[in-house]
Amino acid sequence: MQTLAEKGNGNAAYIDNLQEANKVLVNEFGSAMHTVAKDVKLQIEFNPAKVQAYRLVGYESRLLDKEDFNDDGKDAGEMGAGHTVTALYEIVPVGVKSNFANVDELKYQKTAQPENATYSNSPELLTVKLRYKLPDKHVSTKLDLPVTDNGGNKVSDDFKFAAAVAMFAQILRDSPFKGEADYDDVVTLAKSGYGNDKQGYRREFVRLVEVAKGLK
């Protein structure tokens, strides 16, 4: 279903109860039916003075080659009115020891060092690059948005909840990146990100995690 939806510029949803049906067919139906942007592409550039290693969590089936970002002939995702997309990256900051950042130095080009890099003193952690086409256009528009590091851990409820969902997925897949995370950690993090859960979807997620824990 996911493959068919991607090829046909549509959406796939798994509906197993009345609450999920209401979510997909009522609350989110409008965002899937009215396209406001097509061939939407995102590209992230990290500041090497701040980040020594990174990885994208999920989206394995939607990755494009870096050269495809500026190629308007490459098909990408569609976004509807009110539609949002969340992509999570795990990063290793400069100065933190990690096996994932243990790679040989480049021979023909030198990696910028924190002490002499152009942005070594900049608060910018990364830059998000976005390309999209209007529904009736064939040439894309590009936007750049720098993201700064405020040095704190004051993140939104949405961020906490998204991180809990990603943690749960890695536990289910027995990912080598799950670390020491367990189901209780997922529940604790998800509950801290309840926020304004009017429809009860986030509480439903916690219930699913507790069911998975029981099955395990």
N, C-alpha and C. Protein backbone atom coordinates (compact mmCIF):
# COMPACT_ATOMS: atom_id res chain seq x y z
N MET A 1 0.82 -1.21 0.00
CA MET A 1 0.00 0.00 0.00
C MET A 1 0.86 1.26 0.00
N GLN A 2 1.95 1.23 0.79
CA GLN A 2 2.82 2.39 0.84
C GLN A 2 3.48 2.64 -0.51
N THR A 3 3.93 1.57 -1.17
CA THR A 3 4.58 1.70 -2.47
C THR A 3 3.61 2.24 -3.51
N LEU A 4 2.38 1.72 -3.52
CA LEU A 4 1.37 2.20 -4.46
C LEU A 4 1.06 3.68 -4.21
N ALA A 5 0.98 4.07 -2.94
CA ALA A 5 0.68 5.46 -2.61
C ALA A 5 1.79 6.38 -3.09
N GLU A 6 3.05 5.95 -2.90
CA GLU A 6 4.18 6.78 -3.33
C GLU A 6 4.21 6.93 -4.84
N LYS A 7 3.96 5.84 -5.56
CA LYS A 7 4.00 5.89 -7.03
C LYS A 7 2.85 6.71 -7.59
N GLY A 8 1.73 6.72 -6.88
CA GLY A 8 0.55 7.43 -7.37
C GLY A 8 0.33 8.78 -6.73
N ASN A 9 1.37 9.26 -6.01
CA ASN A 9 1.27 10.56 -5.31
C ASN A 9 0.05 10.62 -4.39
N GLY A 10 -0.20 9.51 -3.71
CA GLY A 10 -1.34 9.44 -2.79
C GLY A 10 -0.88 9.19 -1.37
N ASN A 11 -1.80 8.70 -0.55
CA ASN A 11 -1.52 8.42 0.85
C ASN A 11 -2.08 7.06 1.21
N ALA A 12 -1.39 6.38 2.10
CA ALA A 12 -1.85 5.09 2.60
C ALA A 12 -2.06 5.20 4.10
N ALA A 13 -3.07 4.53 4.61
CA ALA A 13 -3.34 4.55 6.04
C ALA A 13 -3.83 3.18 6.49
N TYR A 14 -3.43 2.79 7.68
CA TYR A 14 -3.89 1.53 8.27
C TYR A 14 -4.96 1.87 9.31
N ILE A 15 -6.18 1.40 9.09
CA ILE A 15 -7.29 1.70 9.97
C ILE A 15 -7.74 0.42 10.66
N ASP A 16 -7.62 0.40 11.99
CA ASP A 16 -7.97 -0.82 12.72
C ASP A 16 -9.05 -0.59 13.78
N ASN A 17 -9.48 0.67 13.96
CA ASN A 17 -10.56 0.91 14.92
C ASN A 17 -11.28 2.21 14.55
N LEU A 18 -12.36 2.50 15.27
CA LEU A 18 -13.18 3.66 14.96
C LEU A 18 -12.42 4.97 15.17
N GLN A 19 -11.58 5.02 16.20
CA GLN A 19 -10.81 6.24 16.47
C GLN A 19 -9.86 6.55 15.32
N GLU A 20 -9.20 5.51 14.81
CA GLU A 20 -8.27 5.71 13.69
C GLU A 20 -9.03 6.10 12.43
N ALA A 21 -10.20 5.54 12.24
CA ALA A 21 -11.03 5.90 11.07
C ALA A 21 -11.43 7.37 11.14
N ASN A 22 -11.80 7.83 12.32
CA ASN A 22 -12.17 9.24 12.48
C ASN A 22 -10.97 10.15 12.22
N LYS A 23 -9.80 9.71 12.65
CA LYS A 23 -8.58 10.50 12.46
C LYS A 23 -8.24 10.64 10.97
N VAL A 24 -8.27 9.51 10.25
CA VAL A 24 -7.84 9.51 8.85
C VAL A 24 -8.91 10.07 7.91
N LEU A 25 -10.16 9.65 8.11
CA LEU A 25 -11.23 9.98 7.16
C LEU A 25 -11.98 11.26 7.47
N VAL A 26 -11.80 11.79 8.69
CA VAL A 26 -12.50 13.02 9.06
C VAL A 26 -11.49 14.14 9.32
N ASN A 27 -10.66 13.97 10.35
CA ASN A 27 -9.78 15.06 10.77
C ASN A 27 -8.66 15.36 9.78
N GLU A 28 -8.15 14.33 9.09
CA GLU A 28 -7.01 14.53 8.20
C GLU A 28 -7.36 14.42 6.72
N PHE A 29 -8.62 14.18 6.41
CA PHE A 29 -9.01 13.91 5.03
C PHE A 29 -8.77 15.11 4.12
N GLY A 30 -9.05 16.30 4.62
CA GLY A 30 -8.88 17.50 3.81
C GLY A 30 -7.45 17.74 3.40
N SER A 31 -6.49 17.45 4.30
CA SER A 31 -5.08 17.68 3.98
C SER A 31 -4.59 16.72 2.92
N ALA A 32 -5.23 15.56 2.80
CA ALA A 32 -4.82 14.59 1.79
C ALA A 32 -5.46 14.85 0.43
N MET A 33 -6.58 15.56 0.42
CA MET A 33 -7.32 15.74 -0.82
C MET A 33 -6.93 17.00 -1.59
N HIS A 34 -6.45 18.05 -0.91
CA HIS A 34 -6.16 19.32 -1.57
C HIS A 34 -4.66 19.58 -1.55
N THR A 35 -3.99 19.36 -2.69
CA THR A 35 -2.54 19.53 -2.79
C THR A 35 -2.18 21.01 -2.90
N VAL A 36 -1.25 21.46 -2.06
CA VAL A 36 -0.79 22.85 -2.12
C VAL A 36 0.65 22.94 -2.62
N ALA A 37 1.37 21.82 -2.63
CA ALA A 37 2.75 21.81 -3.15
C ALA A 37 3.07 20.40 -3.63
N LYS A 38 3.79 20.32 -4.75
CA LYS A 38 4.17 19.02 -5.28
C LYS A 38 5.69 18.92 -5.41
N ASP A 39 6.18 17.70 -5.52
CA ASP A 39 7.62 17.43 -5.61
C ASP A 39 8.39 18.17 -4.51
N VAL A 40 7.92 18.01 -3.30
CA VAL A 40 8.55 18.67 -2.16
C VAL A 40 9.80 17.87 -1.74
N LYS A 41 10.93 18.57 -1.64
CA LYS A 41 12.18 17.93 -1.27
C LYS A 41 12.82 18.70 -0.12
N LEU A 42 13.43 17.97 0.79
CA LEU A 42 14.17 18.57 1.89
C LEU A 42 15.62 18.10 1.85
N GLN A 43 16.51 19.02 2.11
CA GLN A 43 17.93 18.68 2.20
C GLN A 43 18.50 19.38 3.43
N ILE A 44 19.23 18.65 4.24
CA ILE A 44 19.79 19.19 5.47
C ILE A 44 21.30 19.29 5.34
N GLU A 45 21.85 20.45 5.65
CA GLU A 45 23.30 20.64 5.68
C GLU A 45 23.72 20.99 7.09
N PHE A 46 24.57 20.13 7.70
CA PHE A 46 25.00 20.35 9.07
C PHE A 46 26.29 21.17 9.10
N ASN A 47 26.41 21.98 10.12
CA ASN A 47 27.62 22.78 10.34
C ASN A 47 28.70 21.87 10.92
N PRO A 48 29.80 21.60 10.18
CA PRO A 48 30.83 20.67 10.66
C PRO A 48 31.54 21.17 11.91
N ALA A 49 31.40 22.44 12.22
CA ALA A 49 31.99 22.96 13.45
C ALA A 49 31.16 22.57 14.68
N LYS A 50 29.93 22.12 14.43
CA LYS A 50 29.03 21.73 15.51
C LYS A 50 28.72 20.24 15.54
N VAL A 51 28.68 19.62 14.34
CA VAL A 51 28.23 18.23 14.23
C VAL A 51 29.30 17.41 13.53
N GLN A 52 29.73 16.33 14.20
CA GLN A 52 30.74 15.46 13.59
C GLN A 52 30.14 14.23 12.92
N ALA A 53 28.92 13.87 13.29
CA ALA A 53 28.26 12.72 12.66
C ALA A 53 26.76 12.86 12.82
N TYR A 54 26.01 12.26 11.90
CA TYR A 54 24.54 12.33 11.96
C TYR A 54 23.96 11.16 11.20
N ARG A 55 22.69 10.88 11.49
CA ARG A 55 21.96 9.87 10.72
C ARG A 55 20.48 10.23 10.72
N LEU A 56 19.82 9.94 9.62
CA LEU A 56 18.39 10.14 9.50
C LEU A 56 17.68 8.93 10.09
N VAL A 57 16.69 9.17 10.94
CA VAL A 57 15.93 8.09 11.56
C VAL A 57 14.68 7.83 10.72
N GLY A 58 14.64 6.68 10.06
CA GLY A 58 13.51 6.36 9.20
C GLY A 58 13.64 6.96 7.80
N TYR A 59 12.54 6.93 7.06
CA TYR A 59 12.47 7.48 5.69
C TYR A 59 13.41 6.76 4.72
N GLU A 60 13.76 5.51 5.03
CA GLU A 60 14.69 4.79 4.14
C GLU A 60 14.16 4.68 2.71
N SER A 61 12.83 4.57 2.58
CA SER A 61 12.25 4.36 1.25
C SER A 61 12.08 5.67 0.48
N ARG A 62 12.34 6.81 1.13
CA ARG A 62 12.09 8.09 0.47
C ARG A 62 13.37 8.89 0.21
N LEU A 63 14.52 8.27 0.43
CA LEU A 63 15.78 8.99 0.27
C LEU A 63 16.07 9.25 -1.21
N LEU A 64 16.63 10.41 -1.48
CA LEU A 64 17.08 10.78 -2.82
C LEU A 64 18.58 11.02 -2.80
N ASP A 65 19.23 10.88 -3.94
CA ASP A 65 20.64 11.26 -4.05
C ASP A 65 20.74 12.78 -3.91
N LYS A 66 21.87 13.23 -3.39
CA LYS A 66 22.01 14.68 -3.15
C LYS A 66 21.90 15.49 -4.44
N GLU A 67 22.27 14.88 -5.58
CA GLU A 67 22.18 15.59 -6.85
C GLU A 67 20.73 15.79 -7.29
N ASP A 68 19.82 14.97 -6.73
CA ASP A 68 18.41 15.04 -7.14
C ASP A 68 17.70 16.26 -6.58
N PHE A 69 18.31 16.90 -5.57
CA PHE A 69 17.63 18.03 -4.92
C PHE A 69 17.37 19.16 -5.89
N ASN A 70 18.33 19.46 -6.77
CA ASN A 70 18.17 20.56 -7.73
C ASN A 70 17.62 20.12 -9.07
N ASP A 71 17.28 18.84 -9.20
CA ASP A 71 16.75 18.30 -10.45
C ASP A 71 15.23 18.32 -10.42
N ASP A 72 14.64 19.27 -11.14
CA ASP A 72 13.18 19.40 -11.15
C ASP A 72 12.50 18.25 -11.86
N GLY A 73 13.28 17.42 -12.55
CA GLY A 73 12.69 16.27 -13.22
C GLY A 73 12.47 15.09 -12.30
N LYS A 74 13.04 15.13 -11.10
CA LYS A 74 12.91 14.04 -10.15
C LYS A 74 11.60 14.15 -9.37
N ASP A 75 10.86 13.07 -9.33
CA ASP A 75 9.59 13.05 -8.62
C ASP A 75 9.83 13.00 -7.12
N ALA A 76 9.03 13.72 -6.37
CA ALA A 76 9.13 13.71 -4.91
C ALA A 76 7.73 13.75 -4.33
N GLY A 77 7.63 14.06 -3.04
CA GLY A 77 6.36 13.95 -2.35
C GLY A 77 5.44 15.14 -2.56
N GLU A 78 4.15 14.90 -2.38
CA GLU A 78 3.14 15.96 -2.44
C GLU A 78 2.70 16.32 -1.02
N MET A 79 2.35 17.58 -0.82
CA MET A 79 1.86 18.01 0.48
C MET A 79 0.51 18.70 0.32
N GLY A 80 -0.41 18.35 1.21
CA GLY A 80 -1.74 18.93 1.16
C GLY A 80 -1.91 20.03 2.18
N ALA A 81 -3.04 20.71 2.12
CA ALA A 81 -3.34 21.78 3.06
C ALA A 81 -3.39 21.23 4.49
N GLY A 82 -2.63 21.82 5.38
CA GLY A 82 -2.62 21.35 6.76
C GLY A 82 -1.75 20.14 6.99
N HIS A 83 -1.07 19.66 5.95
CA HIS A 83 -0.22 18.48 6.04
C HIS A 83 1.13 18.86 6.65
N THR A 84 1.62 18.07 7.57
CA THR A 84 2.95 18.30 8.14
C THR A 84 3.81 17.05 7.99
N VAL A 85 5.12 17.26 7.92
CA VAL A 85 6.08 16.16 7.81
C VAL A 85 7.13 16.32 8.89
N THR A 86 7.44 15.25 9.58
CA THR A 86 8.45 15.29 10.63
C THR A 86 9.60 14.36 10.28
N ALA A 87 10.82 14.89 10.27
CA ALA A 87 12.02 14.08 10.03
C ALA A 87 12.94 14.26 11.23
N LEU A 88 13.39 13.16 11.80
CA LEU A 88 14.27 13.20 12.97
C LEU A 88 15.69 12.80 12.57
N TYR A 89 16.65 13.56 13.06
CA TYR A 89 18.06 13.22 12.89
C TYR A 89 18.68 12.99 14.26
N GLU A 90 19.51 11.97 14.35
CA GLU A 90 20.33 11.77 15.54
C GLU A 90 21.72 12.32 15.20
N ILE A 91 22.24 13.20 16.05
CA ILE A 91 23.53 13.81 15.77
C ILE A 91 24.53 13.51 16.88
N VAL A 92 25.81 13.55 16.51
CA VAL A 92 26.90 13.46 17.47
C VAL A 92 27.62 14.80 17.44
N PRO A 93 27.53 15.60 18.51
CA PRO A 93 28.19 16.91 18.52
C PRO A 93 29.70 16.78 18.47
N VAL A 94 30.36 17.81 17.97
CA VAL A 94 31.82 17.85 17.97
C VAL A 94 32.30 17.81 19.41
N GLY A 95 33.34 16.98 19.65
CA GLY A 95 33.89 16.85 21.00
C GLY A 95 33.35 15.68 21.78
N VAL A 96 32.32 15.02 21.26
CA VAL A 96 31.74 13.86 21.93
C VAL A 96 32.28 12.59 21.28
N LYS A 97 32.84 11.70 22.09
CA LYS A 97 33.40 10.46 21.55
C LYS A 97 32.27 9.53 21.11
N SER A 98 32.43 8.97 19.92
CA SER A 98 31.41 8.07 19.39
C SER A 98 32.03 7.16 18.34
N ASN A 99 31.64 5.88 18.38
CA ASN A 99 32.12 4.93 17.36
C ASN A 99 31.58 5.26 15.99
N PHE A 100 30.40 5.92 15.94
CA PHE A 100 29.78 6.23 14.67
C PHE A 100 30.50 7.35 13.94
N ALA A 101 31.33 8.10 14.67
CA ALA A 101 32.05 9.22 14.05
C ALA A 101 33.50 8.85 13.73
N ASN A 102 33.83 7.56 13.84
CA ASN A 102 35.20 7.11 13.65
C ASN A 102 35.45 6.78 12.18
N VAL A 103 35.81 7.79 11.40
CA VAL A 103 36.08 7.60 9.98
C VAL A 103 37.42 8.24 9.64
N ASP A 104 38.05 7.75 8.56
CA ASP A 104 39.34 8.29 8.14
C ASP A 104 39.18 9.71 7.59
N GLU A 105 40.24 10.51 7.72
CA GLU A 105 40.23 11.84 7.15
C GLU A 105 40.25 11.75 5.62
N LEU A 106 39.66 12.75 4.98
CA LEU A 106 39.63 12.79 3.52
C LEU A 106 41.02 13.10 2.98
N LYS A 107 41.34 12.51 1.82
CA LYS A 107 42.66 12.71 1.22
C LYS A 107 42.70 13.97 0.37
N TYR A 108 41.66 14.20 -0.44
CA TYR A 108 41.70 15.28 -1.42
C TYR A 108 41.00 16.56 -0.95
N GLN A 109 40.28 16.48 0.11
CA GLN A 109 39.68 17.70 0.66
C GLN A 109 39.64 17.58 2.18
N LYS A 110 40.00 18.63 2.82
CA LYS A 110 40.10 18.61 4.27
C LYS A 110 38.77 19.03 4.90
N THR A 111 38.37 18.30 5.92
CA THR A 111 37.17 18.64 6.65
C THR A 111 37.43 19.87 7.51
N ALA A 112 36.50 20.80 7.51
CA ALA A 112 36.68 22.02 8.30
C ALA A 112 36.79 21.70 9.78
N GLN A 113 37.78 22.27 10.44
CA GLN A 113 38.00 22.05 11.86
C GLN A 113 37.29 23.13 12.66
N PRO A 114 36.83 22.81 13.85
CA PRO A 114 36.08 23.78 14.65
C PRO A 114 36.83 25.09 14.88
N GLU A 115 38.19 25.02 15.04
CA GLU A 115 38.91 26.24 15.38
C GLU A 115 39.07 27.19 14.20
N ASN A 116 39.00 26.68 12.97
CA ASN A 116 39.20 27.58 11.83
C ASN A 116 38.05 27.55 10.83
N ALA A 117 36.99 26.84 11.14
CA ALA A 117 35.86 26.78 10.23
C ALA A 117 35.17 28.14 10.17
N THR A 118 34.61 28.43 9.01
CA THR A 118 33.94 29.71 8.80
C THR A 118 32.85 29.95 9.83
N TYR A 119 32.12 28.89 10.17
CA TYR A 119 30.99 29.04 11.08
C TYR A 119 31.31 28.47 12.46
N SER A 120 32.60 28.45 12.84
CA SER A 120 32.97 27.88 14.12
C SER A 120 32.36 28.63 15.30
N ASN A 121 32.17 29.92 15.16
CA ASN A 121 31.60 30.73 16.23
C ASN A 121 30.12 31.03 16.01
N SER A 122 29.55 30.43 15.00
CA SER A 122 28.14 30.67 14.69
C SER A 122 27.25 29.75 15.53
N PRO A 123 26.10 30.23 15.97
CA PRO A 123 25.16 29.37 16.69
C PRO A 123 24.40 28.42 15.77
N GLU A 124 24.59 28.58 14.45
CA GLU A 124 23.86 27.73 13.49
C GLU A 124 24.31 26.28 13.60
N LEU A 125 23.35 25.41 13.82
CA LEU A 125 23.61 23.97 13.89
C LEU A 125 23.48 23.33 12.52
N LEU A 126 22.51 23.81 11.76
CA LEU A 126 22.25 23.24 10.44
C LEU A 126 21.43 24.22 9.62
N THR A 127 21.32 23.93 8.34
CA THR A 127 20.45 24.69 7.44
C THR A 127 19.50 23.73 6.74
N VAL A 128 18.22 24.04 6.80
CA VAL A 128 17.22 23.25 6.10
C VAL A 128 16.97 23.89 4.74
N LYS A 129 17.11 23.11 3.69
CA LYS A 129 16.85 23.58 2.33
C LYS A 129 15.58 22.89 1.83
N LEU A 130 14.67 23.69 1.31
CA LEU A 130 13.39 23.17 0.85
C LEU A 130 13.15 23.55 -0.60
N ARG A 131 12.73 22.58 -1.39
CA ARG A 131 12.31 22.84 -2.77
C ARG A 131 10.89 22.33 -2.96
N TYR A 132 10.09 23.10 -3.68
CA TYR A 132 8.72 22.68 -3.95
C TYR A 132 8.23 23.35 -5.23
N LYS A 133 7.20 22.76 -5.82
CA LYS A 133 6.53 23.35 -6.98
C LYS A 133 5.08 23.61 -6.62
N LEU A 134 4.56 24.71 -7.09
CA LEU A 134 3.13 24.93 -6.97
C LEU A 134 2.39 23.90 -7.83
N PRO A 135 1.17 23.55 -7.47
CA PRO A 135 0.46 22.47 -8.17
C PRO A 135 0.41 22.62 -9.69
N ASP A 136 0.36 23.86 -10.19
CA ASP A 136 0.24 24.08 -11.63
C ASP A 136 1.55 24.53 -12.27
N LYS A 137 2.67 24.39 -11.56
CA LYS A 137 3.96 24.83 -12.08
C LYS A 137 4.91 23.65 -12.30
N HIS A 138 5.95 23.89 -13.11
CA HIS A 138 6.93 22.84 -13.39
C HIS A 138 8.34 23.24 -12.97
N VAL A 139 8.48 24.48 -12.46
CA VAL A 139 9.78 24.95 -11.97
C VAL A 139 9.67 25.14 -10.45
N SER A 140 10.66 24.66 -9.73
CA SER A 140 10.59 24.67 -8.27
C SER A 140 11.07 25.99 -7.68
N THR A 141 10.65 26.22 -6.46
CA THR A 141 11.10 27.35 -5.66
C THR A 141 11.94 26.81 -4.50
N LYS A 142 13.03 27.52 -4.16
CA LYS A 142 13.93 27.06 -3.11
C LYS A 142 13.87 28.01 -1.92
N LEU A 143 13.84 27.43 -0.72
CA LEU A 143 13.89 28.19 0.52
C LEU A 143 15.00 27.65 1.41
N ASP A 144 15.70 28.53 2.11
CA ASP A 144 16.74 28.14 3.07
C ASP A 144 16.34 28.65 4.45
N LEU A 145 16.53 27.82 5.46
CA LEU A 145 16.22 28.23 6.82
C LEU A 145 17.29 27.70 7.78
N PRO A 146 18.11 28.58 8.36
CA PRO A 146 19.10 28.12 9.34
C PRO A 146 18.45 27.78 10.67
N VAL A 147 18.97 26.78 11.35
CA VAL A 147 18.48 26.37 12.67
C VAL A 147 19.61 26.54 13.66
N THR A 148 19.37 27.28 14.72
CA THR A 148 20.43 27.58 15.69
C THR A 148 20.37 26.65 16.89
N ASP A 149 21.50 26.50 17.56
CA ASP A 149 21.62 25.69 18.76
C ASP A 149 21.63 26.63 19.96
N ASN A 150 20.57 26.59 20.77
CA ASN A 150 20.51 27.49 21.91
C ASN A 150 21.19 26.93 23.16
N GLY A 151 21.78 25.74 23.00
CA GLY A 151 22.54 25.15 24.10
C GLY A 151 21.69 24.59 25.22
N GLY A 152 20.39 24.56 25.03
CA GLY A 152 19.51 24.04 26.07
C GLY A 152 18.76 22.80 25.63
N ASN A 153 17.85 22.37 26.47
CA ASN A 153 17.06 21.18 26.17
C ASN A 153 15.57 21.50 26.26
N LYS A 154 15.21 22.74 25.94
CA LYS A 154 13.83 23.17 25.99
C LYS A 154 13.17 22.87 24.65
N VAL A 155 12.63 21.69 24.53
CA VAL A 155 12.00 21.28 23.27
C VAL A 155 10.49 21.21 23.46
N SER A 156 9.76 21.22 22.37
CA SER A 156 8.31 21.24 22.41
C SER A 156 7.74 19.87 22.77
N ASP A 157 6.46 19.86 23.14
CA ASP A 157 5.77 18.59 23.40
C ASP A 157 5.74 17.73 22.14
N ASP A 158 5.57 18.38 20.97
CA ASP A 158 5.56 17.63 19.71
C ASP A 158 6.88 16.92 19.49
N PHE A 159 7.98 17.60 19.81
CA PHE A 159 9.31 17.00 19.63
C PHE A 159 9.47 15.78 20.55
N LYS A 160 9.06 15.92 21.80
CA LYS A 160 9.18 14.82 22.76
C LYS A 160 8.37 13.62 22.28
N PHE A 161 7.15 13.89 21.82
CA PHE A 161 6.30 12.78 21.39
C PHE A 161 6.86 12.11 20.14
N ALA A 162 7.33 12.91 19.19
CA ALA A 162 7.92 12.34 17.97
C ALA A 162 9.14 11.48 18.31
N ALA A 163 9.95 11.94 19.25
CA ALA A 163 11.12 11.17 19.66
C ALA A 163 10.70 9.84 20.30
N ALA A 164 9.60 9.87 21.05
CA ALA A 164 9.11 8.63 21.67
C ALA A 164 8.65 7.63 20.61
N VAL A 165 7.97 8.13 19.58
CA VAL A 165 7.53 7.26 18.49
C VAL A 165 8.73 6.63 17.77
N ALA A 166 9.76 7.45 17.52
CA ALA A 166 10.97 6.94 16.86
C ALA A 166 11.67 5.90 17.73
N MET A 167 11.72 6.16 19.04
CA MET A 167 12.33 5.20 19.97
C MET A 167 11.59 3.87 19.95
N PHE A 168 10.26 3.94 19.94
CA PHE A 168 9.44 2.74 19.90
C PHE A 168 9.71 1.93 18.63
N ALA A 169 9.81 2.63 17.50
CA ALA A 169 10.07 1.95 16.22
C ALA A 169 11.41 1.23 16.25
N GLN A 170 12.42 1.87 16.84
CA GLN A 170 13.75 1.25 16.87
C GLN A 170 13.77 0.04 17.80
N ILE A 171 12.99 0.08 18.86
CA ILE A 171 12.90 -1.08 19.75
C ILE A 171 12.21 -2.23 19.03
N LEU A 172 11.12 -1.93 18.31
CA LEU A 172 10.40 -2.97 17.58
C LEU A 172 11.27 -3.63 16.52
N ARG A 173 12.14 -2.82 15.88
CA ARG A 173 13.01 -3.34 14.83
C ARG A 173 14.31 -3.91 15.39
N ASP A 174 14.47 -3.83 16.72
CA ASP A 174 15.71 -4.25 17.38
C ASP A 174 16.91 -3.58 16.71
N SER A 175 16.79 -2.28 16.50
CA SER A 175 17.84 -1.52 15.85
C SER A 175 19.09 -1.46 16.72
N PRO A 176 20.27 -1.54 16.11
CA PRO A 176 21.51 -1.40 16.90
C PRO A 176 21.66 -0.01 17.48
N PHE A 177 20.85 0.94 17.01
CA PHE A 177 20.93 2.32 17.50
C PHE A 177 19.99 2.58 18.68
N LYS A 178 19.26 1.56 19.12
CA LYS A 178 18.28 1.79 20.19
C LYS A 178 18.94 2.00 21.54
N GLY A 179 20.22 1.64 21.64
CA GLY A 179 20.93 1.83 22.90
C GLY A 179 20.32 1.01 24.02
N GLU A 180 20.09 1.63 25.16
CA GLU A 180 19.51 0.94 26.31
C GLU A 180 18.03 1.27 26.47
N ALA A 181 17.42 1.85 25.45
CA ALA A 181 16.01 2.24 25.51
C ALA A 181 15.11 1.02 25.65
N ASP A 182 14.05 1.15 26.45
CA ASP A 182 13.07 0.08 26.58
C ASP A 182 11.67 0.68 26.52
N TYR A 183 10.65 -0.19 26.65
CA TYR A 183 9.27 0.27 26.51
C TYR A 183 8.90 1.30 27.57
N ASP A 184 9.42 1.14 28.78
CA ASP A 184 9.12 2.09 29.85
C ASP A 184 9.66 3.48 29.51
N ASP A 185 10.83 3.52 28.87
CA ASP A 185 11.39 4.81 28.45
C ASP A 185 10.49 5.48 27.42
N VAL A 186 9.95 4.67 26.51
CA VAL A 186 9.05 5.20 25.48
C VAL A 186 7.80 5.81 26.12
N VAL A 187 7.22 5.08 27.08
CA VAL A 187 6.01 5.55 27.75
C VAL A 187 6.27 6.85 28.50
N THR A 188 7.39 6.90 29.23
CA THR A 188 7.73 8.10 30.00
C THR A 188 7.90 9.31 29.10
N LEU A 189 8.65 9.13 27.99
CA LEU A 189 8.89 10.23 27.07
C LEU A 189 7.60 10.67 26.38
N ALA A 190 6.78 9.70 25.97
CA ALA A 190 5.53 10.02 25.28
C ALA A 190 4.58 10.78 26.20
N LYS A 191 4.50 10.38 27.45
CA LYS A 191 3.61 11.06 28.40
C LYS A 191 4.07 12.49 28.65
N SER A 192 5.38 12.72 28.61
CA SER A 192 5.88 14.09 28.81
C SER A 192 5.56 14.98 27.61
N GLY A 193 5.16 14.35 26.50
CA GLY A 193 4.83 15.10 25.29
C GLY A 193 3.35 15.06 24.94
N TYR A 194 2.49 14.75 25.92
CA TYR A 194 1.05 14.72 25.65
C TYR A 194 0.54 16.05 25.10
N GLY A 195 0.95 17.15 25.75
CA GLY A 195 0.49 18.46 25.30
C GLY A 195 -1.03 18.55 25.29
N ASN A 196 -1.56 19.20 24.26
CA ASN A 196 -3.01 19.36 24.12
C ASN A 196 -3.56 18.22 23.27
N ASP A 197 -3.73 17.07 23.88
CA ASP A 197 -4.13 15.86 23.17
C ASP A 197 -5.66 15.73 23.16
N LYS A 198 -6.32 16.63 22.40
CA LYS A 198 -7.79 16.69 22.41
C LYS A 198 -8.42 15.39 21.94
N GLN A 199 -7.86 14.80 20.88
CA GLN A 199 -8.46 13.61 20.30
C GLN A 199 -8.03 12.32 20.99
N GLY A 200 -7.04 12.40 21.86
CA GLY A 200 -6.59 11.21 22.58
C GLY A 200 -5.66 10.31 21.78
N TYR A 201 -5.12 10.82 20.65
CA TYR A 201 -4.27 9.99 19.81
C TYR A 201 -2.96 9.62 20.52
N ARG A 202 -2.43 10.55 21.26
CA ARG A 202 -1.14 10.28 21.92
C ARG A 202 -1.32 9.30 23.08
N ARG A 203 -2.43 9.39 23.76
CA ARG A 203 -2.72 8.41 24.80
C ARG A 203 -2.97 7.03 24.19
N GLU A 204 -3.55 7.01 23.00
CA GLU A 204 -3.74 5.74 22.29
C GLU A 204 -2.39 5.12 21.94
N PHE A 205 -1.43 5.95 21.57
CA PHE A 205 -0.08 5.44 21.26
C PHE A 205 0.54 4.81 22.51
N VAL A 206 0.41 5.46 23.65
CA VAL A 206 0.96 4.91 24.89
C VAL A 206 0.30 3.56 25.20
N ARG A 207 -1.01 3.47 24.94
CA ARG A 207 -1.69 2.19 25.16
C ARG A 207 -1.10 1.09 24.28
N LEU A 208 -0.78 1.43 23.02
CA LEU A 208 -0.19 0.46 22.10
C LEU A 208 1.19 0.01 22.58
N VAL A 209 1.96 0.96 23.10
CA VAL A 209 3.29 0.63 23.62
C VAL A 209 3.16 -0.34 24.80
N GLU A 210 2.20 -0.08 25.67
CA GLU A 210 2.00 -0.96 26.83
C GLU A 210 1.54 -2.35 26.39
N VAL A 211 0.72 -2.43 25.32
CA VAL A 211 0.33 -3.72 24.78
C VAL A 211 1.55 -4.45 24.22
N ALA A 212 2.41 -3.74 23.49
CA ALA A 212 3.61 -4.35 22.93
C ALA A 212 4.52 -4.86 24.04
N LYS A 213 4.63 -4.08 25.11
CA LYS A 213 5.43 -4.52 26.25
C LYS A 213 4.88 -5.81 26.84
N GLY A 214 3.55 -5.89 26.95
CA GLY A 214 2.93 -7.10 27.47
C GLY A 214 3.16 -8.32 26.58
N LEU A 215 3.10 -8.12 25.27
CA LEU A 215 3.35 -9.20 24.32
C LEU A 215 4.79 -9.67 24.38
N LYS A 216 5.70 -8.71 24.60
CA LYS A 216 7.12 -9.05 24.68
C LYS A 216 7.39 -9.92 25.90
